[in-house]
Amino acid sequence: MKLHSILHEVAEQPWVGTAGDKLQPAVLKAFEAGGEAGREIKNALHGTWLGHPLHPAITDVPIGAWTAAAVLDLLERSGSRKYAPGADAAVAVGLAGAVGAAVTGLTDWTGTTKEKRRMGLVHGMMNLGATALYTASLFLRKRKSTRTQAVCLSMLGYGMVSVSAYIGGHLVYRNQIGVDHTATADTYPEDFVAVLPENDLKEKAMRCVKAGEVAVLLAKQGGEIFALAHTCSHLGGPLSEGDLLSGGKVRCPWHGSVFSLSSGDVVDGPATEPQPRLEVRTRNGQIEVRLPKGES
């Protein structure tokens, strides 16, 4: 049986779904309890300030450090005791990085759908297990009599984190978590194209229209018309089915990401990528849009 099939079977276990259904709202409530500070912390952990998910960048720390530890441990076992301090330090650095990876990963996990949440929870549990093994290894490394056991635990932990990394790749490349869902093989129009009669867009209303083959959100607020990519950059939610907020903002109906209508910038996560913005004009009673010059 392939590894993917085994992991899928684990993710489909009823207890995984039950645990996820209870944990996700608990984490979200914890952020909400923090008020404005909680909101800002959540956005920072998502990586909205970076314009890119923060979690994958931090995961390089434990994976890289523990890879170095595995190499140094093997060199030590071959008879080169001088590599032991370096291996121990690499294990400790990896544990510090694992904390950051866990916090950012848990935050991103709260903004996933039910099926993806199951596999994400398996990913997290694998990482938690690996971290526990490395923690035990670090303590056992302090005594010469238990050093062999310590190295064995590290190797077992490295195997677990490797499987977890495979799951992480599956979540990104197959489930498209953390990718920009506004990226499309179709191109936004570089010249103005009519998308809707002006009278068909009422004040404080939103519509999904097509500019060529690309779905575009039109919104009208304060007499001004805005146009953004219709598909939410986070997980592909339909923005026209969300909420038009005061101050020129739109909220995705799926996971609550908020974007500026005027610039497309992320106001609130879990989204980290901005929404592509289009120029708007009205001509002969028609609303026309195009990609801003210099952004093709």
Protein backbone atom coordinates (compact mmCIF):
# COMPACT_ATOMS: atom_id res chain seq x y z
CA MET A 1 0.00 0.00 0.00
CA LYS A 2 1.33 3.44 -0.94
CA LEU A 3 2.21 5.93 1.80
CA HIS A 4 -0.46 8.34 0.58
CA SER A 5 -3.15 5.65 0.90
CA ILE A 6 -2.04 4.80 4.44
CA LEU A 7 -2.10 8.44 5.49
CA HIS A 8 -5.50 8.91 3.88
CA GLU A 9 -6.85 5.96 5.88
CA VAL A 10 -5.53 7.51 9.09
CA ALA A 11 -7.04 10.90 8.25
CA GLU A 12 -10.43 9.27 7.64
CA GLN A 13 -10.60 7.80 11.12
CA PRO A 14 -13.66 9.23 12.97
CA TRP A 15 -11.62 10.39 15.96
CA VAL A 16 -9.46 12.58 13.71
CA GLY A 17 -12.52 14.45 12.47
CA THR A 18 -13.93 14.74 16.00
CA ALA A 19 -10.66 16.11 17.36
CA GLY A 20 -10.40 18.63 14.53
CA ASP A 21 -13.98 19.80 14.96
CA LYS A 22 -13.32 20.55 18.62
CA LEU A 23 -9.83 22.00 18.34
CA GLN A 24 -10.40 24.43 15.47
CA PRO A 25 -13.11 26.56 17.15
CA ALA A 26 -11.17 26.48 20.43
CA VAL A 27 -8.10 28.02 18.75
CA LEU A 28 -10.21 30.63 16.95
CA LYS A 29 -11.95 31.59 20.19
CA ALA A 30 -8.58 32.01 21.87
CA PHE A 31 -7.58 34.56 19.24
CA GLU A 32 -10.97 36.28 19.46
CA ALA A 33 -10.63 36.54 23.23
CA GLY A 34 -7.54 38.67 22.68
CA GLY A 35 -9.56 41.35 20.90
CA GLU A 36 -7.59 43.62 18.60
CA ALA A 37 -4.27 42.27 19.90
CA GLY A 38 -5.44 38.72 19.21
CA ARG A 39 -6.41 39.69 15.67
CA GLU A 40 -3.01 41.26 15.02
CA ILE A 41 -1.18 38.24 16.45
CA LYS A 42 -3.25 35.90 14.27
CA ASN A 43 -2.48 37.96 11.15
CA ALA A 44 1.22 38.01 12.03
CA LEU A 45 1.30 34.24 12.49
CA HIS A 46 -0.45 33.75 9.14
CA GLY A 47 2.18 35.95 7.49
CA THR A 48 -0.06 38.75 6.19
CA TRP A 49 2.81 41.19 6.88
CA LEU A 50 5.11 39.03 4.76
CA GLY A 51 2.78 38.63 1.80
CA HIS A 52 3.50 34.91 2.02
CA PRO A 53 2.54 32.16 4.50
CA LEU A 54 4.98 32.28 7.42
CA HIS A 55 4.69 28.61 8.39
CA PRO A 56 6.66 27.03 5.51
CA ALA A 57 9.52 29.47 6.01
CA ILE A 58 9.85 28.51 9.69
CA THR A 59 9.63 24.76 9.02
CA ASP A 60 13.01 25.00 7.31
CA VAL A 61 14.58 25.59 10.74
CA PRO A 62 13.69 22.27 12.45
CA ILE A 63 14.03 20.21 9.26
CA GLY A 64 17.42 21.74 8.44
CA ALA A 65 18.70 21.53 12.02
CA TRP A 66 17.58 17.93 12.49
CA THR A 67 19.07 16.93 9.15
CA ALA A 68 22.38 18.37 10.34
CA ALA A 69 21.97 16.52 13.65
CA ALA A 70 21.42 13.22 11.81
CA VAL A 71 24.60 13.71 9.79
CA LEU A 72 26.64 14.68 12.85
CA ASP A 73 25.23 11.77 14.84
CA LEU A 74 26.31 9.36 12.12
CA LEU A 75 29.79 10.88 12.10
CA GLU A 76 29.94 10.53 15.87
CA ARG A 77 28.83 6.90 15.73
CA SER A 78 31.61 6.23 13.25
CA GLY A 79 34.09 7.14 15.97
CA SER A 80 34.47 10.93 15.68
CA ARG A 81 33.41 12.14 19.12
CA LYS A 82 34.21 15.74 18.22
CA TYR A 83 30.90 15.97 16.35
CA ALA A 84 28.77 15.23 19.43
CA PRO A 85 28.44 18.85 20.67
CA GLY A 86 27.40 20.00 17.21
CA ALA A 87 24.74 17.30 16.99
CA ASP A 88 23.38 18.25 20.41
CA ALA A 89 23.24 21.93 19.45
CA ALA A 90 21.47 21.10 16.19
CA VAL A 91 18.82 19.12 18.07
CA ALA A 92 18.23 22.09 20.40
CA VAL A 93 17.99 24.56 17.51
CA GLY A 94 15.52 22.27 15.80
CA LEU A 95 13.33 22.15 18.91
CA ALA A 96 13.26 25.94 19.10
CA GLY A 97 12.27 26.12 15.45
CA ALA A 98 9.62 23.44 15.97
CA VAL A 99 7.81 25.69 18.44
CA GLY A 100 7.52 28.46 15.87
CA ALA A 101 6.50 26.00 13.16
CA ALA A 102 3.82 24.52 15.42
CA VAL A 103 2.29 27.88 16.36
CA THR A 104 2.20 29.19 12.78
CA GLY A 105 1.02 25.85 11.41
CA LEU A 106 -1.81 25.63 13.95
CA THR A 107 -2.90 29.15 13.03
CA ASP A 108 -2.99 28.33 9.31
CA TRP A 109 -4.78 25.06 10.06
CA THR A 110 -7.75 26.94 11.55
CA GLY A 111 -8.45 28.38 8.09
CA THR A 112 -8.94 25.07 6.28
CA THR A 113 -11.99 23.11 5.19
CA LYS A 114 -13.08 19.86 6.85
CA GLU A 115 -11.33 17.38 4.53
CA LYS A 116 -8.06 19.33 4.49
CA ARG A 117 -8.34 19.89 8.22
CA ARG A 118 -8.22 16.11 8.79
CA MET A 119 -4.96 15.64 6.89
CA GLY A 120 -3.57 18.80 8.46
CA LEU A 121 -4.24 17.38 11.91
CA VAL A 122 -2.38 14.17 11.02
CA HIS A 123 0.50 16.37 9.82
CA GLY A 124 0.50 18.22 13.14
CA MET A 125 0.36 15.04 15.22
CA MET A 126 3.32 13.60 13.34
CA ASN A 127 5.30 16.76 14.05
CA LEU A 128 4.27 16.68 17.69
CA GLY A 129 5.44 13.09 17.98
CA ALA A 130 8.77 13.93 16.35
CA THR A 131 9.23 16.89 18.68
CA ALA A 132 8.58 14.69 21.70
CA LEU A 133 11.20 12.21 20.53
CA TYR A 134 13.77 14.95 19.97
CA THR A 135 13.01 16.45 23.39
CA ALA A 136 13.62 13.10 25.06
CA SER A 137 16.76 12.67 22.97
CA LEU A 138 18.14 16.04 24.07
CA PHE A 139 17.81 15.09 27.75
CA LEU A 140 19.34 11.64 27.24
CA ARG A 141 22.31 13.14 25.38
CA LYS A 142 23.53 14.72 28.61
CA ARG A 143 24.73 11.34 29.92
CA LYS A 144 27.22 9.12 28.16
CA SER A 145 25.44 5.97 29.34
CA THR A 146 22.24 6.92 27.49
CA ARG A 147 23.74 8.53 24.42
CA THR A 148 23.06 5.55 22.15
CA GLN A 149 19.38 5.61 23.10
CA ALA A 150 19.35 9.37 22.52
CA VAL A 151 20.67 8.99 18.99
CA CYS A 152 18.15 6.23 18.26
CA LEU A 153 15.31 8.48 19.39
CA SER A 154 16.62 11.26 17.16
CA MET A 155 16.72 8.94 14.15
CA LEU A 156 13.18 7.79 14.87
CA GLY A 157 12.11 11.43 15.19
CA TYR A 158 13.80 12.23 11.89
CA GLY A 159 11.80 9.47 10.23
CA MET A 160 8.57 10.90 11.63
CA VAL A 161 9.36 14.47 10.60
CA SER A 162 10.21 13.21 7.11
CA VAL A 163 6.79 11.59 6.78
CA SER A 164 5.23 14.76 8.13
CA ALA A 165 7.10 16.78 5.52
CA TYR A 166 5.62 14.49 2.86
CA ILE A 167 2.16 15.28 4.23
CA GLY A 168 2.99 18.99 4.18
CA GLY A 169 3.88 18.71 0.52
CA HIS A 170 0.63 16.86 -0.12
CA LEU A 171 -1.34 19.65 1.56
CA VAL A 172 0.34 22.29 -0.61
CA TYR A 173 0.62 20.60 -3.98
CA ARG A 174 -2.53 18.48 -3.94
CA ASN A 175 -4.85 20.35 -1.59
CA GLN A 176 -3.47 23.78 -2.55
CA ILE A 177 -3.15 25.11 1.00
CA GLY A 178 -0.93 28.17 1.17
CA VAL A 179 -0.89 28.80 -2.58
CA ASP A 180 -2.24 31.92 -4.32
CA HIS A 181 -5.67 30.95 -5.64
CA THR A 182 -5.87 34.07 -7.78
CA ALA A 183 -3.13 32.70 -10.02
CA THR A 184 -4.74 31.46 -13.22
CA ALA A 185 -3.79 30.16 -16.63
CA ASP A 186 -6.25 32.69 -18.08
CA THR A 187 -4.99 36.26 -18.41
CA TYR A 188 -6.62 39.43 -17.18
CA PRO A 189 -7.55 41.83 -20.01
CA GLU A 190 -4.88 44.42 -20.77
CA ASP A 191 -7.38 46.59 -22.64
CA PHE A 192 -10.70 47.77 -21.28
CA VAL A 193 -13.47 45.21 -21.79
CA ALA A 194 -17.17 45.68 -20.99
CA VAL A 195 -18.38 43.37 -18.23
CA LEU A 196 -21.76 44.73 -17.01
CA PRO A 197 -24.29 47.48 -17.73
CA GLU A 198 -23.73 50.28 -15.21
CA ASN A 199 -27.38 50.26 -14.10
CA ASP A 200 -27.15 46.57 -13.15
CA LEU A 201 -24.75 47.29 -10.26
CA LYS A 202 -26.62 48.89 -7.39
CA GLU A 203 -25.13 50.89 -4.52
CA LYS A 204 -23.72 48.68 -1.70
CA ALA A 205 -23.93 45.63 -3.95
CA MET A 206 -21.47 43.10 -5.37
CA ARG A 207 -21.55 41.07 -8.57
CA CYS A 208 -19.42 38.36 -10.13
CA VAL A 209 -18.77 39.04 -13.81
CA LYS A 210 -16.48 37.63 -16.47
CA ALA A 211 -13.68 39.63 -18.08
CA GLY A 212 -12.82 37.23 -20.86
CA GLU A 213 -12.37 33.93 -19.04
CA VAL A 214 -11.45 35.45 -15.68
CA ALA A 215 -14.01 35.89 -12.88
CA VAL A 216 -14.03 39.45 -11.51
CA LEU A 217 -15.71 40.93 -8.44
CA LEU A 218 -17.49 44.24 -9.00
CA ALA A 219 -18.53 46.23 -5.94
CA LYS A 220 -20.14 49.62 -5.61
CA GLN A 221 -19.81 51.69 -2.44
CA GLY A 222 -20.13 55.44 -1.97
CA GLY A 223 -20.87 55.81 -5.65
CA GLU A 224 -17.47 54.34 -6.59
CA ILE A 225 -17.04 51.08 -8.47
CA PHE A 226 -14.23 48.66 -7.56
CA ALA A 227 -12.96 45.53 -9.30
CA LEU A 228 -10.90 42.70 -7.83
CA ALA A 229 -10.20 39.10 -8.73
CA HIS A 230 -13.32 37.20 -7.67
CA THR A 231 -11.54 34.11 -6.32
CA CYS A 232 -10.12 34.58 -2.80
CA SER A 233 -6.36 34.14 -2.77
CA HIS A 234 -6.54 32.04 0.41
CA LEU A 235 -8.55 28.96 -0.59
CA GLY A 236 -10.56 30.10 -3.59
CA GLY A 237 -13.73 31.38 -1.90
CA PRO A 238 -16.24 33.37 -4.02
CA LEU A 239 -15.91 36.96 -2.80
CA SER A 240 -19.24 38.08 -4.27
CA GLU A 241 -20.98 35.75 -1.81
CA GLY A 242 -19.20 37.38 1.13
CA ASP A 243 -19.83 40.66 2.95
CA LEU A 244 -19.33 44.18 1.66
CA LEU A 245 -17.91 46.03 4.66
CA SER A 246 -17.81 49.72 5.40
CA GLY A 247 -14.64 51.59 4.55
CA GLY A 248 -14.22 49.92 1.17
CA LYS A 249 -13.56 46.32 2.23
CA VAL A 250 -14.86 42.87 1.32
CA ARG A 251 -14.88 39.75 3.50
CA CYS A 252 -14.59 36.25 2.04
CA PRO A 253 -17.50 33.96 3.00
CA TRP A 254 -15.31 30.90 3.55
CA HIS A 255 -12.69 31.80 6.16
CA GLY A 256 -13.20 35.51 6.80
CA SER A 257 -10.22 37.01 4.96
CA VAL A 258 -10.77 40.75 4.44
CA PHE A 259 -9.40 42.71 1.49
CA SER A 260 -9.28 46.39 0.56
CA LEU A 261 -11.45 47.07 -2.46
CA SER A 262 -9.27 49.95 -3.61
CA SER A 263 -5.90 48.19 -3.48
CA GLY A 264 -6.62 44.49 -3.03
CA ASP A 265 -4.33 44.40 0.02
CA VAL A 266 -4.99 41.94 2.84
CA VAL A 267 -6.66 43.65 5.80
CA ASP A 268 -7.29 40.47 7.81
CA GLY A 269 -6.03 36.90 7.30
CA PRO A 270 -5.86 33.99 6.96
CA ALA A 271 -5.07 35.18 3.42
CA THR A 272 -1.52 36.40 2.89
CA GLU A 273 -1.58 37.18 -0.84
CA PRO A 274 -3.40 40.34 -2.03
CA GLN A 275 -6.25 40.20 -4.52
CA PRO A 276 -5.34 41.34 -8.04
CA ARG A 277 -6.92 44.77 -8.66
CA LEU A 278 -8.37 45.95 -11.95
CA GLU A 279 -8.92 49.47 -13.26
CA VAL A 280 -12.55 50.43 -13.74
CA ARG A 281 -14.28 52.94 -15.99
CA THR A 282 -17.83 53.47 -17.26
CA ARG A 283 -18.36 54.12 -20.95
CA ASN A 284 -21.60 54.21 -22.99
CA GLY A 285 -23.50 52.87 -20.00
CA GLN A 286 -21.15 49.88 -19.56
CA ILE A 287 -18.72 49.06 -16.75
CA GLU A 288 -15.34 48.25 -18.23
CA VAL A 289 -12.27 46.76 -16.53
CA ARG A 290 -8.65 46.05 -17.39
CA LEU A 291 -5.42 45.12 -15.67
CA PRO A 292 -3.59 48.25 -14.48
CA LYS A 293 -0.86 49.32 -16.85
CA GLY A 294 2.54 47.96 -15.93
CA GLU A 295 1.07 44.89 -14.16
CA SER A 296 0.60 42.60 -17.15
